[in-house]
């Protein structure tokens, strides 16, 4: 299983953005680099949820294209997408599973239903869901 690493500052920024957009689901894309047999998230793209819904999201296609162009200019690899669950656990909903078309992507879900946010990453292929090894790291603590 691949290990996905994310710096705690990126995680904190993600939580702040999603919290600011409550009660709607927040969403975006993930970009990074291959490292040590896994991936390191280098940048998170915050895209508009054009549905403005509390239980569904759709990424703006124009914003997606701009993000992909930016990734290419920074020599980053698209890793997948992320979205928040304002009132449900950090696991894929039936709709999330049904709409997971890219078997190479990681699908991160941030639950904001409790006092402490929970972020998990999933590999979804042929409607099968497998939790990925996501590690929030710092310069002092890296594994």
N, C-alpha and C. Protein backbone atom coordinates (compact mmCIF):
# COMPACT_ATOMS: atom_id res chain seq x y z
N UNK A 1 0.84 -1.18 0.00
CA UNK A 1 0.00 0.00 0.00
C UNK A 1 0.88 1.24 0.00
N UNK A 2 0.54 2.19 -0.85
CA UNK A 2 1.33 3.42 -0.91
C UNK A 2 1.05 4.29 0.31
N UNK A 3 2.05 5.06 0.69
CA UNK A 3 1.92 6.00 1.80
C UNK A 3 1.76 7.39 1.20
N UNK A 4 0.76 8.11 1.68
CA UNK A 4 0.54 9.49 1.26
C UNK A 4 0.90 10.38 2.45
N UNK A 5 1.80 11.33 2.22
CA UNK A 5 2.21 12.24 3.28
C UNK A 5 1.71 13.65 2.98
N UNK A 6 1.27 14.33 4.03
CA UNK A 6 0.80 15.70 3.91
C UNK A 6 1.35 16.50 5.09
N UNK A 7 1.99 17.61 4.80
CA UNK A 7 2.50 18.48 5.85
C UNK A 7 1.33 19.01 6.69
N UNK A 8 1.55 19.12 7.98
CA UNK A 8 0.49 19.56 8.88
C UNK A 8 -0.03 20.96 8.54
N UNK A 9 0.82 21.81 7.95
CA UNK A 9 0.36 23.16 7.57
C UNK A 9 -0.66 23.08 6.43
N UNK A 10 -0.45 22.17 5.49
CA UNK A 10 -1.41 21.98 4.40
C UNK A 10 -2.71 21.43 4.97
N UNK A 11 -2.59 20.48 5.89
CA UNK A 11 -3.77 19.93 6.55
C UNK A 11 -4.56 21.03 7.28
N UNK A 12 -3.86 21.86 8.05
CA UNK A 12 -4.52 22.94 8.79
C UNK A 12 -5.22 23.91 7.85
N UNK A 13 -4.59 24.21 6.71
CA UNK A 13 -5.17 25.10 5.71
C UNK A 13 -6.45 24.47 5.12
N UNK A 14 -6.40 23.18 4.85
CA UNK A 14 -7.55 22.46 4.31
C UNK A 14 -8.72 22.51 5.29
N UNK A 15 -8.46 22.24 6.55
CA UNK A 15 -9.50 22.27 7.58
C UNK A 15 -10.10 23.67 7.68
N UNK A 16 -9.25 24.70 7.68
CA UNK A 16 -9.74 26.07 7.78
C UNK A 16 -10.63 26.43 6.60
N UNK A 17 -10.21 26.06 5.39
CA UNK A 17 -11.00 26.36 4.20
C UNK A 17 -12.36 25.66 4.27
N UNK A 18 -12.36 24.38 4.59
CA UNK A 18 -13.62 23.63 4.64
C UNK A 18 -14.54 24.18 5.73
N UNK A 19 -13.97 24.56 6.86
CA UNK A 19 -14.77 25.12 7.95
C UNK A 19 -15.40 26.45 7.55
N UNK A 20 -14.64 27.27 6.82
CA UNK A 20 -15.16 28.56 6.35
C UNK A 20 -16.33 28.39 5.40
N UNK A 21 -16.40 27.27 4.72
CA UNK A 21 -17.45 27.04 3.72
C UNK A 21 -18.64 26.25 4.25
N UNK A 22 -18.65 25.98 5.55
CA UNK A 22 -19.83 25.34 6.14
C UNK A 22 -21.05 26.22 5.93
N UNK A 23 -22.23 25.71 5.72
CA UNK A 23 -22.60 24.30 5.83
C UNK A 23 -22.40 23.51 4.54
N UNK A 24 -21.87 24.14 3.48
CA UNK A 24 -21.67 23.45 2.20
C UNK A 24 -20.48 22.51 2.26
N UNK A 25 -20.50 21.51 1.37
CA UNK A 25 -19.30 20.70 1.16
C UNK A 25 -18.29 21.56 0.43
N UNK A 26 -17.05 21.53 0.89
CA UNK A 26 -15.95 22.18 0.20
C UNK A 26 -15.24 21.11 -0.63
N UNK A 27 -14.52 21.52 -1.67
CA UNK A 27 -13.92 20.52 -2.55
C UNK A 27 -12.73 21.09 -3.30
N UNK A 28 -11.97 20.19 -3.91
CA UNK A 28 -10.82 20.61 -4.69
C UNK A 28 -9.99 19.44 -5.17
N UNK A 29 -8.78 19.77 -5.61
CA UNK A 29 -7.86 18.77 -6.16
C UNK A 29 -6.59 18.70 -5.33
N UNK A 30 -5.87 17.59 -5.47
CA UNK A 30 -4.62 17.34 -4.76
C UNK A 30 -3.50 17.19 -5.78
N UNK A 31 -2.35 17.76 -5.47
CA UNK A 31 -1.19 17.63 -6.36
C UNK A 31 0.05 17.37 -5.51
N UNK A 32 1.01 16.66 -6.09
CA UNK A 32 2.21 16.39 -5.35
C UNK A 32 3.26 15.68 -6.16
N UNK A 33 4.14 15.00 -5.44
CA UNK A 33 5.26 14.29 -6.07
C UNK A 33 5.40 12.90 -5.47
N UNK A 34 5.92 11.99 -6.31
CA UNK A 34 6.23 10.66 -5.81
C UNK A 34 7.44 10.75 -4.90
N UNK A 35 7.37 10.00 -3.80
CA UNK A 35 8.48 10.04 -2.84
C UNK A 35 8.43 8.79 -1.98
N UNK A 36 9.56 8.10 -1.86
CA UNK A 36 9.70 6.94 -0.98
C UNK A 36 8.61 5.90 -1.18
N UNK A 37 8.28 5.59 -2.43
CA UNK A 37 7.28 4.57 -2.71
C UNK A 37 5.85 5.03 -2.53
N UNK A 38 5.67 6.29 -2.26
CA UNK A 38 4.33 6.85 -2.09
C UNK A 38 4.26 8.23 -2.71
N UNK A 39 3.45 9.07 -2.11
CA UNK A 39 3.28 10.43 -2.62
C UNK A 39 3.31 11.43 -1.48
N UNK A 40 3.78 12.61 -1.79
CA UNK A 40 3.72 13.73 -0.86
C UNK A 40 2.82 14.79 -1.47
N UNK A 41 1.79 15.19 -0.73
CA UNK A 41 0.90 16.25 -1.18
C UNK A 41 1.66 17.57 -1.03
N UNK A 42 1.88 18.24 -2.14
CA UNK A 42 2.62 19.50 -2.16
C UNK A 42 1.68 20.71 -2.23
N UNK A 43 0.50 20.48 -2.84
CA UNK A 43 -0.41 21.61 -3.03
C UNK A 43 -1.84 21.11 -3.07
N UNK A 44 -2.72 21.88 -2.44
CA UNK A 44 -4.15 21.60 -2.49
C UNK A 44 -4.80 22.74 -3.26
N UNK A 45 -5.66 22.38 -4.16
CA UNK A 45 -6.42 23.36 -4.94
C UNK A 45 -7.83 23.44 -4.35
N UNK A 46 -8.23 24.65 -4.04
CA UNK A 46 -9.55 24.91 -3.46
C UNK A 46 -10.45 25.40 -4.59
N UNK A 47 -11.39 24.56 -4.98
CA UNK A 47 -12.26 24.86 -6.11
C UNK A 47 -13.69 25.08 -5.63
N UNK A 48 -14.43 25.83 -6.40
CA UNK A 48 -15.81 26.11 -6.05
C UNK A 48 -16.68 24.86 -6.19
N UNK A 49 -17.52 24.65 -5.21
CA UNK A 49 -18.55 23.62 -5.31
C UNK A 49 -19.73 24.29 -6.02
N UNK A 50 -19.86 24.06 -7.31
CA UNK A 50 -20.88 24.77 -8.07
C UNK A 50 -22.29 24.32 -7.72
N UNK A 51 -22.42 23.24 -6.94
CA UNK A 51 -23.74 22.81 -6.48
C UNK A 51 -24.17 23.58 -5.22
N UNK A 52 -23.20 24.13 -4.48
CA UNK A 52 -23.47 24.85 -3.23
C UNK A 52 -24.40 24.02 -2.34
N UNK A 53 -24.04 22.77 -2.16
CA UNK A 53 -24.88 21.81 -1.45
C UNK A 53 -24.20 21.36 -0.16
N UNK A 54 -25.00 20.91 0.80
CA UNK A 54 -24.48 20.39 2.06
C UNK A 54 -24.14 18.90 1.97
N UNK A 55 -24.58 18.22 0.90
CA UNK A 55 -24.34 16.78 0.82
C UNK A 55 -23.94 16.31 -0.58
N UNK A 56 -23.42 17.22 -1.37
CA UNK A 56 -23.01 16.88 -2.74
C UNK A 56 -22.05 17.96 -3.23
N UNK A 57 -21.14 17.58 -4.12
CA UNK A 57 -20.27 18.59 -4.71
C UNK A 57 -20.05 18.30 -6.19
N UNK A 58 -19.84 19.36 -6.94
CA UNK A 58 -19.40 19.28 -8.33
C UNK A 58 -18.32 20.34 -8.51
N UNK A 59 -17.16 19.90 -8.99
CA UNK A 59 -16.06 20.83 -9.25
C UNK A 59 -16.34 21.63 -10.51
N UNK A 60 -16.00 22.90 -10.50
CA UNK A 60 -16.13 23.74 -11.67
C UNK A 60 -15.12 23.29 -12.73
N UNK A 61 -15.57 22.87 -13.92
CA UNK A 61 -14.63 22.37 -14.95
C UNK A 61 -13.56 23.38 -15.35
N UNK A 62 -13.91 24.66 -15.41
CA UNK A 62 -12.89 25.67 -15.76
C UNK A 62 -11.82 25.76 -14.68
N UNK A 63 -12.24 25.71 -13.42
CA UNK A 63 -11.28 25.73 -12.32
C UNK A 63 -10.40 24.49 -12.35
N UNK A 64 -10.97 23.34 -12.71
CA UNK A 64 -10.19 22.11 -12.80
C UNK A 64 -9.08 22.24 -13.83
N UNK A 65 -9.43 22.79 -15.00
CA UNK A 65 -8.43 22.96 -16.06
C UNK A 65 -7.32 23.91 -15.64
N UNK A 66 -7.68 25.00 -14.97
CA UNK A 66 -6.67 25.95 -14.49
C UNK A 66 -5.76 25.28 -13.46
N UNK A 67 -6.33 24.45 -12.60
CA UNK A 67 -5.52 23.74 -11.61
C UNK A 67 -4.55 22.77 -12.29
N UNK A 68 -5.02 22.03 -13.27
CA UNK A 68 -4.15 21.08 -13.99
C UNK A 68 -3.02 21.82 -14.69
N UNK A 69 -3.32 22.95 -15.31
CA UNK A 69 -2.27 23.75 -15.96
C UNK A 69 -1.25 24.22 -14.94
N UNK A 70 -1.72 24.63 -13.76
CA UNK A 70 -0.81 25.07 -12.71
C UNK A 70 0.05 23.91 -12.23
N UNK A 71 -0.54 22.73 -12.06
CA UNK A 71 0.23 21.55 -11.65
C UNK A 71 1.36 21.29 -12.64
N UNK A 72 1.03 21.33 -13.91
CA UNK A 72 2.05 21.08 -14.95
C UNK A 72 3.16 22.11 -14.87
N UNK A 73 2.81 23.37 -14.66
CA UNK A 73 3.83 24.43 -14.61
C UNK A 73 4.74 24.27 -13.40
N UNK A 74 4.24 23.63 -12.33
CA UNK A 74 5.02 23.42 -11.12
C UNK A 74 5.65 22.03 -11.06
N UNK A 75 5.49 21.26 -12.14
CA UNK A 75 6.00 19.89 -12.22
C UNK A 75 5.43 19.00 -11.11
N UNK A 76 4.14 19.18 -10.84
CA UNK A 76 3.44 18.36 -9.85
C UNK A 76 2.53 17.37 -10.56
N UNK A 77 2.28 16.27 -9.91
CA UNK A 77 1.42 15.22 -10.45
C UNK A 77 0.03 15.34 -9.83
N UNK A 78 -1.03 15.21 -10.63
CA UNK A 78 -2.37 15.16 -10.03
C UNK A 78 -2.50 13.88 -9.20
N UNK A 79 -2.90 14.02 -7.95
CA UNK A 79 -3.01 12.87 -7.05
C UNK A 79 -4.45 12.43 -6.84
N UNK A 80 -5.39 13.34 -7.03
CA UNK A 80 -6.79 13.01 -6.81
C UNK A 80 -7.59 14.22 -6.40
N UNK A 81 -8.65 13.98 -5.64
CA UNK A 81 -9.48 15.10 -5.20
C UNK A 81 -9.82 14.95 -3.72
N UNK A 82 -10.39 15.99 -3.17
CA UNK A 82 -10.80 15.99 -1.77
C UNK A 82 -12.14 16.72 -1.67
N UNK A 83 -12.88 16.36 -0.66
CA UNK A 83 -14.08 17.12 -0.33
C UNK A 83 -14.42 16.91 1.14
N UNK A 84 -15.25 17.78 1.65
CA UNK A 84 -15.62 17.68 3.06
C UNK A 84 -17.00 17.05 3.20
N UNK A 85 -17.20 16.46 4.35
CA UNK A 85 -18.51 15.96 4.76
C UNK A 85 -18.89 16.76 6.01
N UNK A 86 -19.71 17.79 5.85
CA UNK A 86 -20.04 18.63 7.00
C UNK A 86 -20.76 17.89 8.13
N UNK A 87 -21.56 16.90 7.79
CA UNK A 87 -22.38 16.26 8.83
C UNK A 87 -22.34 14.73 8.78
N UNK A 88 -21.30 14.18 8.16
CA UNK A 88 -21.19 12.72 8.09
C UNK A 88 -19.73 12.30 8.24
N UNK A 89 -19.49 11.01 8.49
CA UNK A 89 -18.13 10.52 8.74
C UNK A 89 -17.20 10.65 7.53
N UNK A 90 -15.92 10.48 7.82
CA UNK A 90 -14.87 10.54 6.80
C UNK A 90 -14.76 9.20 6.09
N UNK A 91 -15.79 8.90 5.30
CA UNK A 91 -15.80 7.69 4.48
C UNK A 91 -16.66 7.98 3.25
N UNK A 92 -16.38 7.30 2.15
CA UNK A 92 -17.12 7.58 0.92
C UNK A 92 -18.61 7.23 1.05
N UNK A 93 -19.44 8.14 0.60
CA UNK A 93 -20.87 7.86 0.52
C UNK A 93 -21.12 6.98 -0.71
N UNK A 94 -22.33 6.48 -0.84
CA UNK A 94 -22.68 5.70 -2.03
C UNK A 94 -22.46 6.53 -3.29
N UNK A 95 -22.82 7.81 -3.23
CA UNK A 95 -22.61 8.68 -4.39
C UNK A 95 -21.13 8.87 -4.68
N UNK A 96 -20.31 9.05 -3.62
CA UNK A 96 -18.86 9.19 -3.82
C UNK A 96 -18.30 7.96 -4.53
N UNK A 97 -18.74 6.78 -4.13
CA UNK A 97 -18.26 5.54 -4.74
C UNK A 97 -18.73 5.44 -6.19
N UNK A 98 -19.97 5.78 -6.43
CA UNK A 98 -20.53 5.70 -7.78
C UNK A 98 -19.83 6.66 -8.75
N UNK A 99 -19.39 7.81 -8.23
CA UNK A 99 -18.77 8.83 -9.09
C UNK A 99 -17.24 8.76 -9.11
N UNK A 100 -16.65 7.74 -8.50
CA UNK A 100 -15.19 7.59 -8.47
C UNK A 100 -14.75 6.88 -9.76
N UNK A 101 -14.45 7.66 -10.79
CA UNK A 101 -14.13 7.10 -12.10
C UNK A 101 -12.64 6.87 -12.34
N UNK A 102 -11.77 7.52 -11.57
CA UNK A 102 -10.33 7.42 -11.80
C UNK A 102 -9.70 6.47 -10.80
N UNK A 103 -9.35 5.28 -11.25
CA UNK A 103 -8.79 4.27 -10.35
C UNK A 103 -7.37 4.61 -9.88
N UNK A 104 -6.73 5.60 -10.50
CA UNK A 104 -5.39 6.01 -10.07
C UNK A 104 -5.44 7.12 -9.03
N UNK A 105 -6.61 7.70 -8.82
CA UNK A 105 -6.74 8.85 -7.93
C UNK A 105 -6.92 8.44 -6.48
N UNK A 106 -6.48 9.32 -5.60
CA UNK A 106 -6.82 9.21 -4.19
C UNK A 106 -8.02 10.11 -3.95
N UNK A 107 -8.91 9.65 -3.10
CA UNK A 107 -10.12 10.40 -2.77
C UNK A 107 -10.07 10.70 -1.28
N UNK A 108 -9.79 11.96 -0.93
CA UNK A 108 -9.70 12.34 0.47
C UNK A 108 -11.02 12.96 0.92
N UNK A 109 -11.44 12.56 2.12
CA UNK A 109 -12.69 13.06 2.68
C UNK A 109 -12.41 13.58 4.08
N UNK A 110 -12.79 14.83 4.29
CA UNK A 110 -12.61 15.51 5.58
C UNK A 110 -13.97 15.60 6.27
N UNK A 111 -14.11 14.92 7.39
CA UNK A 111 -15.36 15.00 8.16
C UNK A 111 -15.26 16.15 9.16
N UNK A 112 -16.30 16.97 9.18
CA UNK A 112 -16.38 18.08 10.12
C UNK A 112 -17.55 17.89 11.09
N UNK A 113 -18.04 16.67 11.22
CA UNK A 113 -19.23 16.42 12.03
C UNK A 113 -18.97 16.47 13.54
N UNK A 114 -17.72 16.30 13.96
CA UNK A 114 -17.38 16.31 15.38
C UNK A 114 -16.46 17.51 15.68
N UNK A 115 -16.13 17.68 16.93
CA UNK A 115 -15.28 18.81 17.32
C UNK A 115 -13.91 18.75 16.66
N UNK A 116 -13.37 17.53 16.50
CA UNK A 116 -12.07 17.36 15.85
C UNK A 116 -12.26 16.83 14.44
N UNK A 117 -11.80 17.55 13.43
CA UNK A 117 -11.93 17.08 12.04
C UNK A 117 -11.16 15.77 11.83
N UNK A 118 -11.67 14.95 10.91
CA UNK A 118 -11.02 13.68 10.57
C UNK A 118 -10.84 13.63 9.06
N UNK A 119 -9.59 13.41 8.63
CA UNK A 119 -9.27 13.31 7.20
C UNK A 119 -8.79 11.90 6.91
N UNK A 120 -9.41 11.26 5.93
CA UNK A 120 -8.98 9.95 5.45
C UNK A 120 -8.84 9.99 3.94
N UNK A 121 -8.04 9.07 3.43
CA UNK A 121 -7.84 8.95 1.98
C UNK A 121 -8.22 7.54 1.56
N UNK A 122 -8.82 7.45 0.37
CA UNK A 122 -9.33 6.17 -0.11
C UNK A 122 -8.93 5.93 -1.57
N UNK A 123 -8.72 4.66 -1.87
CA UNK A 123 -8.57 4.20 -3.25
C UNK A 123 -9.89 3.52 -3.58
N UNK A 124 -10.52 3.95 -4.69
CA UNK A 124 -11.80 3.39 -5.09
C UNK A 124 -11.67 2.88 -6.52
N UNK A 125 -11.94 1.59 -6.67
CA UNK A 125 -11.84 0.98 -8.00
C UNK A 125 -12.93 -0.08 -8.13
N UNK A 126 -13.71 0.02 -9.19
CA UNK A 126 -14.81 -0.94 -9.43
C UNK A 126 -15.72 -1.06 -8.20
N UNK A 127 -16.01 0.08 -7.60
CA UNK A 127 -16.90 0.17 -6.44
C UNK A 127 -16.32 -0.45 -5.16
N UNK A 128 -15.06 -0.88 -5.22
CA UNK A 128 -14.37 -1.38 -4.03
C UNK A 128 -13.60 -0.24 -3.38
N UNK A 129 -13.72 -0.12 -2.08
CA UNK A 129 -13.10 0.98 -1.33
C UNK A 129 -12.01 0.43 -0.43
N UNK A 130 -10.83 1.02 -0.52
CA UNK A 130 -9.73 0.63 0.35
C UNK A 130 -9.15 1.89 0.98
N UNK A 131 -9.04 1.90 2.29
CA UNK A 131 -8.46 3.05 2.98
C UNK A 131 -6.96 3.09 2.71
N UNK A 132 -6.46 4.29 2.41
CA UNK A 132 -5.03 4.47 2.13
C UNK A 132 -4.31 4.92 3.40
N UNK A 133 -3.01 4.78 3.39
CA UNK A 133 -2.16 5.16 4.52
C UNK A 133 -1.81 6.64 4.38
N UNK A 134 -2.60 7.50 5.03
CA UNK A 134 -2.38 8.95 5.00
C UNK A 134 -1.70 9.36 6.29
N UNK A 135 -0.58 10.08 6.16
CA UNK A 135 0.18 10.52 7.32
C UNK A 135 0.36 12.03 7.29
N UNK A 136 -0.05 12.68 8.37
CA UNK A 136 0.14 14.12 8.52
C UNK A 136 1.50 14.27 9.21
N UNK A 137 2.39 15.04 8.58
CA UNK A 137 3.78 15.07 9.03
C UNK A 137 4.24 16.50 9.32
N UNK A 138 5.41 16.60 9.96
CA UNK A 138 6.12 17.86 10.13
C UNK A 138 7.60 17.58 9.91
N UNK A 139 8.40 18.63 9.89
CA UNK A 139 9.84 18.44 9.69
C UNK A 139 10.44 17.64 10.84
N UNK A 140 9.88 17.81 12.05
CA UNK A 140 10.41 17.13 13.22
C UNK A 140 9.91 15.69 13.35
N UNK A 141 8.76 15.44 12.74
CA UNK A 141 8.15 14.12 12.89
C UNK A 141 7.76 13.62 11.51
N UNK A 142 8.54 12.67 10.99
CA UNK A 142 8.33 12.19 9.63
C UNK A 142 8.46 10.68 9.63
N UNK A 143 7.46 10.02 9.12
CA UNK A 143 7.55 8.55 8.99
C UNK A 143 6.82 8.10 7.75
